[in-house]
Amino acid sequence: MELLTRTLFLCFTFTLTYGAPSPPHDAATEDVDAALPDRCGGLEFDAITPDENGMTFFFKGSHLWKGFTGPAQLSNESFKELDDIHNIGHVDAAFRMHNPDNTDDHDHIYFFLDDKVFSYYNHTLEEGYPKEIHLDFPGIPTHLDAAVECPKAECGADSVLFFKGKDVHVYDISTKTVKTKVWPHLPVCTAAFRWLEHYYCFHGHNFTRFHPLTGEVSGSYPKDARNYFMSCLNFGHGNGSKVLKCSDVKLDAITSDDEGKTYFFAGPIFMRLDSRRDGLHAFPITRTWREMTSGVDAVFSYTDKMYMIKGDQVYIFKGGAHYTLISGYPKTLKEELGIEGPVDAAFVCPDEHTAHIIQGEWILYVDLTATPRAVTFNLTMPVININAAHCGSDGIELFTGSKFLKYLDVATLTMSRTRTMPLNITSEMMGCQD
């Protein structure tokens, strides 16, 4: 899988300890200079935004924090014109533009102060800036509280949400029109942040997750940001845990869905690999697939559905904004795939209709278009003890313990009489400790 082998700069080092699957939090103690602001003391941020490389910046006064760990530094060390030329001292709001139809604008960072807007790319102020806000964003008020981008898939059109008090001004990037909404149930946001397709309103040292179309808040909020979006002593679900050594890594499954999202599973956690612009982050499997309380043995994706195998049971989840267990499931392996367990690993190659089920040294071919489904034939492989498998555009990867083997395709795998040289899982791939 090319995505794995060419991966990935981490925005922070995540905790992969199986008992501590929290979002961006590594449970390390930050070294804080007494002369610098300390976000672990409970600050209210002025703005939060990622840059074009996925590094997230947290702003407070004339300082910022790069990423989810580490001490504060002066803003002009990363965005020099903010103070060196314009001496603005702080920002009111910031966001990263999502406008893939306009490459001259896409991924640029916009900062707002009073009635001015600044546009940066590659940490350099663009020519002609700052400008008055209405010249770039007609209909948007001055002295904003917060701003956050909202892509078409989540807002119906590529948009920006601008917050001022209880008013939310939804700016359509293409038509340059504004719709103003009032969300009285949402706290006044001093910063807003889109992270892994979720939206967060920061207020005080807390945050509240909201729906970008309605402002609806679901779940128990507010939550303390120090438990999730920074590394602070005595805060965070994974406090006190250690980063797993790469030599101790063992995957249970890996798969890519029809939307190009790639997931791997290990014990009770999963991780998205395609979201490197937001960093690599571990989550409980039950956060997305709540019925999978005991982890997984194998996973594969097919026609907008995710098949999860545990023991002799198959759970099929329908894709979409959220994965939903299809009525009538789980079913037994025999009922659904015409096989007996246990299953070591499974995969479906892109644009194909065959599930390849790995059991020991055998690989079983199951025709997913047949009714009922059954094994069409089986072949042996030159490898055993496979824990997870993935098929992508650049071939097949088989994971065994902390190593993986690469094959060009299924035919090469089954016709080989010797196994390929195993490769090590590395810190660049998974954020583990080499």
Protein backbone atom coordinates (compact mmCIF):
# COMPACT_ATOMS: atom_id res chain seq x y z
CA MET A 1 0.00 0.00 0.00
CA GLU A 2 1.61 3.16 -1.21
CA LEU A 3 -0.06 5.24 1.48
CA LEU A 4 1.69 3.24 4.16
CA THR A 5 5.12 2.99 2.62
CA ARG A 6 5.52 6.62 1.59
CA THR A 7 3.81 7.95 4.74
CA LEU A 8 3.64 10.48 6.59
CA PHE A 9 4.82 13.28 8.74
CA LEU A 10 3.13 13.18 12.14
CA CYS A 11 1.63 16.34 13.56
CA PHE A 12 2.28 14.82 16.95
CA THR A 13 3.30 11.50 18.44
CA PHE A 14 0.17 9.58 19.33
CA THR A 15 -0.28 7.09 22.12
CA LEU A 16 -0.69 3.63 20.64
CA THR A 17 -0.89 1.87 23.96
CA TYR A 18 -3.92 -0.39 23.55
CA GLY A 19 -5.48 0.70 26.81
CA ALA A 20 -5.25 4.43 26.07
CA PRO A 21 -6.84 5.32 22.74
CA SER A 22 -7.49 9.03 23.18
CA PRO A 23 -7.52 11.74 20.48
CA PRO A 24 -4.60 14.14 20.14
CA HIS A 25 -2.94 13.56 23.44
CA ASP A 26 0.32 11.86 24.26
CA ALA A 27 0.22 12.22 28.02
CA ALA A 28 3.70 13.78 28.15
CA THR A 29 4.58 16.71 30.33
CA GLU A 30 5.24 19.94 28.46
CA ASP A 31 8.36 21.90 29.30
CA VAL A 32 6.98 25.36 29.83
CA ASP A 33 9.15 28.42 30.22
CA ALA A 34 7.82 30.55 33.04
CA ALA A 35 8.04 33.64 30.81
CA LEU A 36 5.75 32.10 28.20
CA PRO A 37 1.97 31.57 28.35
CA ASP A 38 1.05 28.08 29.50
CA ARG A 39 -1.92 26.51 27.70
CA CYS A 40 -2.03 23.81 30.37
CA GLY A 41 -3.03 26.53 32.82
CA GLY A 42 -6.40 26.88 31.10
CA LEU A 43 -6.21 29.53 28.37
CA GLU A 44 -8.88 30.87 26.04
CA PHE A 45 -7.47 30.71 22.51
CA ASP A 46 -7.84 33.59 20.05
CA ALA A 47 -7.73 31.33 16.97
CA ILE A 48 -6.85 27.81 15.82
CA THR A 49 -5.95 26.77 12.29
CA PRO A 50 -3.90 24.16 10.43
CA ASP A 51 -1.45 25.23 7.73
CA GLU A 52 -1.09 23.72 4.24
CA ASN A 53 1.01 20.86 5.66
CA GLY A 54 -1.41 19.92 8.41
CA MET A 55 0.47 21.52 11.31
CA THR A 56 -2.09 23.00 13.70
CA PHE A 57 -1.41 26.41 15.27
CA PHE A 58 -3.05 27.62 18.48
CA PHE A 59 -2.94 31.41 18.94
CA LYS A 60 -3.08 33.46 22.13
CA GLY A 61 -2.05 37.11 22.13
CA SER A 62 1.36 37.48 20.50
CA HIS A 63 2.18 33.78 20.98
CA LEU A 64 1.28 30.51 19.34
CA TRP A 65 1.75 26.79 19.86
CA LYS A 66 2.76 24.53 16.98
CA GLY A 67 0.90 21.24 17.16
CA PHE A 68 -0.56 19.47 20.15
CA THR A 69 2.63 19.31 22.20
CA GLY A 70 5.41 21.73 23.06
CA PRO A 71 5.81 25.23 24.55
CA ALA A 72 4.60 28.57 23.23
CA GLN A 73 6.63 30.74 20.89
CA LEU A 74 6.19 34.20 19.41
CA SER A 75 3.80 34.28 16.46
CA ASN A 76 6.24 36.25 14.33
CA GLU A 77 8.69 33.33 14.41
CA SER A 78 6.28 31.41 12.17
CA PHE A 79 4.38 34.30 10.51
CA LYS A 80 6.92 37.07 10.66
CA GLU A 81 4.86 39.87 9.09
CA LEU A 82 2.23 39.64 11.82
CA ASP A 83 4.43 41.65 14.18
CA ASP A 84 7.50 42.75 12.24
CA ILE A 85 5.54 44.80 9.72
CA HIS A 86 2.05 45.31 11.07
CA ASN A 87 2.58 44.88 14.81
CA ILE A 88 -0.88 43.45 15.24
CA GLY A 89 0.05 41.51 18.37
CA HIS A 90 -2.79 39.00 18.08
CA VAL A 91 -5.44 37.67 15.70
CA ASP A 92 -9.23 37.61 16.05
CA ALA A 93 -9.85 34.54 13.88
CA ALA A 94 -8.11 32.25 11.41
CA PHE A 95 -8.88 29.39 9.05
CA ARG A 96 -7.31 27.34 6.23
CA MET A 97 -9.12 27.89 2.93
CA HIS A 98 -10.74 24.85 1.32
CA ASN A 99 -11.25 25.82 -2.32
CA PRO A 100 -9.96 23.00 -4.57
CA ASP A 101 -11.51 24.68 -7.63
CA ASN A 102 -9.09 27.58 -7.21
CA THR A 103 -5.51 26.44 -6.71
CA ASP A 104 -4.40 30.06 -6.19
CA ASP A 105 -6.47 30.14 -3.00
CA HIS A 106 -6.74 26.54 -1.80
CA ASP A 107 -4.90 25.76 1.46
CA HIS A 108 -4.01 29.41 2.11
CA ILE A 109 -4.29 30.58 5.71
CA TYR A 110 -6.42 33.64 6.43
CA PHE A 111 -5.94 35.72 9.60
CA PHE A 112 -8.42 38.37 10.71
CA LEU A 113 -7.82 41.38 12.94
CA ASP A 114 -10.37 44.16 13.45
CA ASP A 115 -11.37 45.13 9.86
CA LYS A 116 -8.35 43.57 8.12
CA VAL A 117 -7.62 40.15 6.58
CA PHE A 118 -4.15 38.67 5.97
CA SER A 119 -3.54 35.81 3.52
CA TYR A 120 -0.54 33.50 3.96
CA TYR A 121 0.86 30.61 1.99
CA ASN A 122 3.98 28.71 2.99
CA HIS A 123 4.11 31.07 5.99
CA THR A 124 4.63 34.07 3.72
CA LEU A 125 2.24 37.02 3.48
CA GLU A 126 0.81 37.28 -0.02
CA GLU A 127 1.29 40.39 -2.07
CA GLY A 128 -1.46 42.95 -1.64
CA TYR A 129 -2.27 42.01 1.95
CA PRO A 130 -3.54 42.98 4.40
CA LYS A 131 -6.86 44.05 2.90
CA GLU A 132 -10.14 45.22 4.32
CA ILE A 133 -12.28 42.17 5.06
CA HIS A 134 -15.13 43.18 2.77
CA LEU A 135 -12.83 43.18 -0.27
CA ASP A 136 -12.14 39.44 0.07
CA PHE A 137 -15.27 38.39 1.96
CA PRO A 138 -18.16 40.74 1.11
CA GLY A 139 -20.90 40.71 3.70
CA ILE A 140 -18.71 39.46 6.53
CA PRO A 141 -18.54 41.75 9.59
CA THR A 142 -15.41 43.10 11.21
CA HIS A 143 -14.06 42.26 14.68
CA LEU A 144 -14.79 38.55 14.32
CA ASP A 145 -14.67 36.00 17.14
CA ALA A 146 -13.78 32.87 15.12
CA ALA A 147 -13.79 31.27 11.68
CA VAL A 148 -13.57 27.75 10.26
CA GLU A 149 -13.63 26.23 6.77
CA CYS A 150 -16.42 23.82 5.77
CA PRO A 151 -15.94 21.67 2.63
CA LYS A 152 -18.71 20.86 0.19
CA ALA A 153 -19.14 17.31 1.49
CA GLU A 154 -20.09 18.65 4.91
CA CYS A 155 -21.78 21.98 4.16
CA GLY A 156 -23.32 21.43 0.69
CA ALA A 157 -20.92 23.98 -0.82
CA ASP A 158 -17.35 24.95 -0.05
CA SER A 159 -17.91 27.52 2.68
CA VAL A 160 -16.48 29.40 5.62
CA LEU A 161 -18.30 29.80 8.94
CA PHE A 162 -17.62 33.18 10.54
CA PHE A 163 -18.62 33.62 14.19
CA LYS A 164 -19.50 36.88 15.90
CA GLY A 165 -21.36 36.62 19.16
CA LYS A 166 -24.29 34.23 18.67
CA ASP A 167 -24.41 34.97 14.92
CA VAL A 168 -22.86 32.60 12.39
CA HIS A 169 -22.26 34.02 8.91
CA VAL A 170 -22.03 31.22 6.34
CA TYR A 171 -19.98 32.43 3.39
CA ASP A 172 -20.30 30.52 0.12
CA ILE A 173 -16.86 30.65 -1.50
CA SER A 174 -18.13 30.16 -5.06
CA THR A 175 -21.08 32.59 -5.08
CA LYS A 176 -19.65 35.01 -2.48
CA THR A 177 -23.06 35.09 -0.79
CA VAL A 178 -23.70 35.10 2.94
CA LYS A 179 -26.44 33.48 5.01
CA THR A 180 -26.61 34.55 8.64
CA LYS A 181 -27.83 32.12 11.29
CA VAL A 182 -28.33 32.47 15.02
CA TRP A 183 -27.20 29.55 17.18
CA PRO A 184 -28.22 30.61 20.72
CA HIS A 185 -27.56 27.12 22.12
CA LEU A 186 -23.86 27.25 21.17
CA PRO A 187 -21.41 29.11 23.44
CA VAL A 188 -19.72 32.21 22.04
CA CYS A 189 -16.71 30.76 20.22
CA THR A 190 -13.37 32.52 20.61
CA ALA A 191 -11.84 29.97 18.20
CA ALA A 192 -13.23 27.29 15.89
CA PHE A 193 -11.49 24.24 14.48
CA ARG A 194 -12.30 21.54 11.93
CA TRP A 195 -10.51 18.33 12.80
CA LEU A 196 -11.05 14.92 11.20
CA GLU A 197 -14.37 16.09 9.70
CA HIS A 198 -15.72 17.26 13.06
CA TYR A 199 -16.27 20.86 14.17
CA TYR A 200 -15.25 22.34 17.51
CA CYS A 201 -16.14 25.64 19.17
CA PHE A 202 -13.53 26.69 21.75
CA HIS A 203 -14.63 28.84 24.67
CA GLY A 204 -12.56 29.42 27.78
CA HIS A 205 -10.41 26.31 28.24
CA ASN A 206 -13.30 24.14 27.03
CA PHE A 207 -14.67 23.08 23.67
CA THR A 208 -18.05 22.02 22.32
CA ARG A 209 -18.51 19.89 19.20
CA PHE A 210 -21.26 21.09 16.85
CA HIS A 211 -22.87 20.27 13.52
CA PRO A 212 -21.70 22.76 10.86
CA LEU A 213 -25.12 23.08 9.20
CA THR A 214 -27.35 23.42 12.25
CA GLY A 215 -25.06 24.17 15.17
CA GLU A 216 -26.64 21.21 16.93
CA VAL A 217 -24.67 19.86 19.88
CA SER A 218 -24.84 16.11 20.53
CA GLY A 219 -23.29 14.37 23.49
CA SER A 220 -21.94 15.63 26.78
CA TYR A 221 -20.34 19.07 26.34
CA PRO A 222 -18.45 21.22 27.10
CA LYS A 223 -15.23 19.23 27.57
CA ASP A 224 -11.86 20.43 28.81
CA ALA A 225 -9.53 21.02 25.85
CA ARG A 226 -6.54 19.97 27.96
CA ASN A 227 -7.80 16.39 27.89
CA TYR A 228 -7.87 16.26 24.09
CA PHE A 229 -6.02 18.99 22.19
CA MET A 230 -2.78 19.39 24.09
CA SER A 231 -0.40 17.43 26.26
CA CYS A 232 -0.65 18.41 29.92
CA LEU A 233 0.39 16.71 33.13
CA ASN A 234 -2.57 15.08 34.93
CA PHE A 235 -4.86 15.64 31.93
CA GLY A 236 -5.91 13.28 29.15
CA HIS A 237 -7.31 9.78 28.88
CA GLY A 238 -3.88 8.32 28.17
CA ASN A 239 -2.00 10.16 30.93
CA GLY A 240 1.08 8.21 32.02
CA SER A 241 1.10 5.77 29.11
CA LYS A 242 4.06 5.29 26.82
CA VAL A 243 4.47 5.29 23.06
CA LEU A 244 4.59 1.71 21.79
CA LYS A 245 7.89 0.49 20.36
CA CYS A 246 7.70 -0.34 16.65
CA SER A 247 9.07 -3.79 17.42
CA ASP A 248 6.00 -4.39 19.59
CA VAL A 249 3.40 -3.33 17.01
CA LYS A 250 0.86 -5.93 15.94
CA LEU A 251 -1.99 -5.02 13.62
CA ASP A 252 -5.26 -6.93 13.58
CA ALA A 253 -6.64 -5.54 10.29
CA ILE A 254 -6.28 -2.81 7.67
CA THR A 255 -8.66 -1.67 4.93
CA SER A 256 -9.56 1.23 2.60
CA ASP A 257 -13.18 2.23 1.95
CA ASP A 258 -14.78 3.56 -1.24
CA GLU A 259 -14.09 7.17 -0.20
CA GLY A 260 -10.36 6.51 0.05
CA LYS A 261 -10.25 6.49 3.84
CA THR A 262 -7.69 3.97 5.09
CA TYR A 263 -8.01 2.46 8.55
CA PHE A 264 -5.89 0.11 10.57
CA PHE A 265 -7.00 -1.72 13.69
CA ALA A 266 -4.98 -2.90 16.69
CA GLY A 267 -6.58 -4.22 19.86
CA PRO A 268 -9.43 -1.88 20.85
CA ILE A 269 -8.20 1.06 18.74
CA PHE A 270 -8.21 2.18 15.12
CA MET A 271 -6.39 4.89 13.21
CA ARG A 272 -7.02 6.78 9.99
CA LEU A 273 -3.98 6.81 7.69
CA ASP A 274 -5.42 9.08 4.98
CA SER A 275 -5.85 12.01 7.39
CA ARG A 276 -2.17 12.93 7.64
CA ARG A 277 -3.00 16.62 7.11
CA ASP A 278 -4.70 16.44 10.51
CA GLY A 279 -2.03 14.17 11.99
CA LEU A 280 -2.30 10.49 12.88
CA HIS A 281 -4.60 9.83 15.80
CA ALA A 282 -5.75 6.69 17.61
CA PHE A 283 -9.39 6.23 18.64
CA PRO A 284 -11.48 3.48 20.27
CA ILE A 285 -13.03 1.22 17.62
CA THR A 286 -16.36 1.65 19.40
CA ARG A 287 -16.23 5.38 18.65
CA THR A 288 -17.13 4.62 15.02
CA TRP A 289 -18.36 1.00 15.14
CA ARG A 290 -20.00 0.84 18.56
CA GLU A 291 -21.01 -2.82 18.26
CA MET A 292 -17.37 -3.95 17.94
CA THR A 293 -16.68 -4.09 21.65
CA SER A 294 -14.08 -6.87 21.44
CA GLY A 295 -11.95 -5.62 18.55
CA VAL A 296 -11.67 -7.32 15.15
CA ASP A 297 -9.92 -10.33 13.60
CA ALA A 298 -10.19 -9.13 9.98
CA VAL A 299 -11.79 -6.30 8.01
CA PHE A 300 -12.47 -5.66 4.33
CA SER A 301 -14.47 -3.08 2.37
CA TYR A 302 -16.79 -3.70 -0.56
CA THR A 303 -19.47 -1.56 -2.30
CA ASP A 304 -19.68 1.16 0.34
CA LYS A 305 -19.86 -1.40 3.13
CA MET A 306 -17.32 -2.49 5.72
CA TYR A 307 -17.20 -6.17 6.67
CA MET A 308 -15.82 -6.76 10.16
CA ILE A 309 -15.04 -10.28 11.29
CA LYS A 310 -14.72 -11.29 14.92
CA GLY A 311 -14.67 -14.98 15.87
CA ASP A 312 -17.25 -16.73 13.70
CA GLN A 313 -19.37 -13.58 13.30
CA VAL A 314 -19.54 -11.10 10.40
CA TYR A 315 -20.73 -7.54 11.05
CA ILE A 316 -21.57 -5.46 7.97
CA PHE A 317 -21.68 -1.68 8.32
CA LYS A 318 -23.15 0.70 5.77
CA GLY A 319 -20.86 3.63 4.94
CA GLY A 320 -21.82 7.29 4.82
CA ALA A 321 -21.45 10.15 7.26
CA HIS A 322 -21.47 7.50 9.99
CA TYR A 323 -21.08 3.74 9.82
CA THR A 324 -24.34 1.95 10.67
CA LEU A 325 -24.74 -1.77 11.35
CA ILE A 326 -27.07 -3.29 8.74
CA SER A 327 -30.23 -4.82 10.18
CA GLY A 328 -29.98 -8.55 10.73
CA TYR A 329 -26.27 -8.56 11.51
CA PRO A 330 -24.06 -10.03 12.80
CA LYS A 331 -24.36 -13.33 10.93
CA THR A 332 -22.08 -16.33 11.03
CA LEU A 333 -19.17 -16.69 8.62
CA LYS A 334 -20.93 -19.72 7.13
CA GLU A 335 -24.14 -17.77 6.48
CA GLU A 336 -22.45 -14.72 4.98
CA LEU A 337 -19.32 -15.98 3.24
CA GLY A 338 -19.75 -19.74 3.11
CA ILE A 339 -16.65 -20.43 5.19
CA GLU A 340 -15.74 -21.69 8.64
CA GLY A 341 -13.55 -19.69 11.01
CA PRO A 342 -11.19 -18.62 12.31
CA VAL A 343 -10.01 -15.89 9.91
CA ASP A 344 -6.50 -14.44 10.12
CA ALA A 345 -6.88 -11.60 7.60
CA ALA A 346 -8.98 -10.53 4.61
CA PHE A 347 -8.86 -8.06 1.73
CA VAL A 348 -10.62 -7.01 -1.46
CA CYS A 349 -8.56 -5.43 -4.25
CA PRO A 350 -9.77 -2.18 -5.87
CA ASP A 351 -12.54 -2.62 -8.47
CA GLU A 352 -12.71 -6.37 -7.86
CA HIS A 353 -15.50 -8.56 -6.48
CA THR A 354 -13.56 -11.29 -4.72
CA ALA A 355 -12.89 -11.41 -1.01
CA HIS A 356 -9.54 -13.02 -0.27
CA ILE A 357 -9.73 -14.75 3.10
CA ILE A 358 -6.46 -15.81 4.74
CA GLN A 359 -6.45 -18.83 7.02
CA GLY A 360 -3.01 -20.10 7.96
CA GLU A 361 -1.11 -20.79 4.73
CA TRP A 362 -4.32 -20.83 2.70
CA ILE A 363 -5.98 -17.99 0.80
CA LEU A 364 -9.66 -18.57 0.01
CA TYR A 365 -11.42 -16.85 -2.89
CA VAL A 366 -15.04 -15.86 -2.15
CA ASP A 367 -17.17 -14.47 -5.00
CA LEU A 368 -19.04 -11.51 -3.48
CA THR A 369 -21.46 -11.29 -6.43
CA ALA A 370 -22.75 -14.85 -5.95
CA THR A 371 -25.85 -15.83 -4.00
CA PRO A 372 -25.24 -17.61 -1.76
CA ARG A 373 -21.61 -16.69 -1.37
CA ALA A 374 -19.17 -19.56 -1.35
CA VAL A 375 -15.49 -20.36 -1.85
CA THR A 376 -14.72 -20.69 -5.55
CA PHE A 377 -11.22 -22.06 -5.00
CA ASN A 378 -8.29 -21.86 -2.61
CA LEU A 379 -4.51 -21.71 -2.95
CA THR A 380 -1.53 -21.87 -0.64
CA MET A 381 0.84 -19.01 0.13
CA PRO A 382 4.56 -19.09 0.98
CA VAL A 383 3.84 -17.32 4.28
CA ILE A 384 2.00 -18.08 7.51
CA ASN A 385 1.10 -16.23 10.69
CA ILE A 386 -0.46 -13.28 8.83
CA ASN A 387 -2.23 -10.81 11.14
CA ALA A 388 -3.53 -8.25 8.62
CA ALA A 389 -3.60 -7.71 4.86
CA HIS A 390 -4.28 -4.88 2.43
CA CYS A 391 -4.58 -4.64 -1.34
CA GLY A 392 -4.08 -1.29 -3.06
CA SER A 393 -3.10 0.16 -6.39
CA ASP A 394 0.56 -0.70 -5.81
CA GLY A 395 0.04 -4.28 -4.67
CA ILE A 396 -0.53 -6.37 -1.57
CA GLU A 397 0.91 -5.96 1.89
CA LEU A 398 0.79 -8.75 4.45
CA PHE A 399 1.48 -7.85 8.08
CA THR A 400 2.99 -10.30 10.52
CA GLY A 401 3.89 -8.92 13.91
CA SER A 402 6.00 -5.79 13.53
CA LYS A 403 6.93 -6.56 9.90
CA PHE A 404 5.18 -6.62 6.54
CA LEU A 405 5.74 -8.29 3.17
CA LYS A 406 4.96 -6.79 -0.24
CA TYR A 407 3.68 -8.61 -3.33
CA LEU A 408 2.75 -7.23 -6.74
CA ASP A 409 -0.65 -8.95 -6.87
CA VAL A 410 -2.56 -12.05 -5.73
CA ALA A 411 -1.16 -14.18 -8.55
CA THR A 412 2.41 -13.32 -7.56
CA LEU A 413 1.61 -14.08 -3.94
CA THR A 414 0.11 -17.52 -4.61
CA MET A 415 2.65 -18.54 -7.28
CA SER A 416 5.68 -17.63 -5.18
CA ARG A 417 7.52 -20.50 -3.55
CA THR A 418 9.56 -18.30 -1.22
CA ARG A 419 8.46 -15.36 0.83
CA THR A 420 9.73 -11.87 0.11
CA MET A 421 12.12 -10.07 2.43
CA PRO A 422 10.10 -8.73 5.38
CA LEU A 423 10.19 -4.97 6.02
CA ASN A 424 9.97 -3.29 9.42
CA ILE A 425 7.06 -1.12 10.49
CA THR A 426 8.64 2.25 11.26
CA SER A 427 7.92 5.37 13.27
CA GLU A 428 7.21 7.26 10.01
CA MET A 429 4.43 4.80 9.25
CA MET A 430 2.74 4.64 12.63
CA GLY A 431 4.30 7.08 15.07
CA CYS A 432 5.67 4.23 17.16
CA GLN A 433 9.12 4.39 18.73
CA ASP A 434 11.92 2.91 16.58
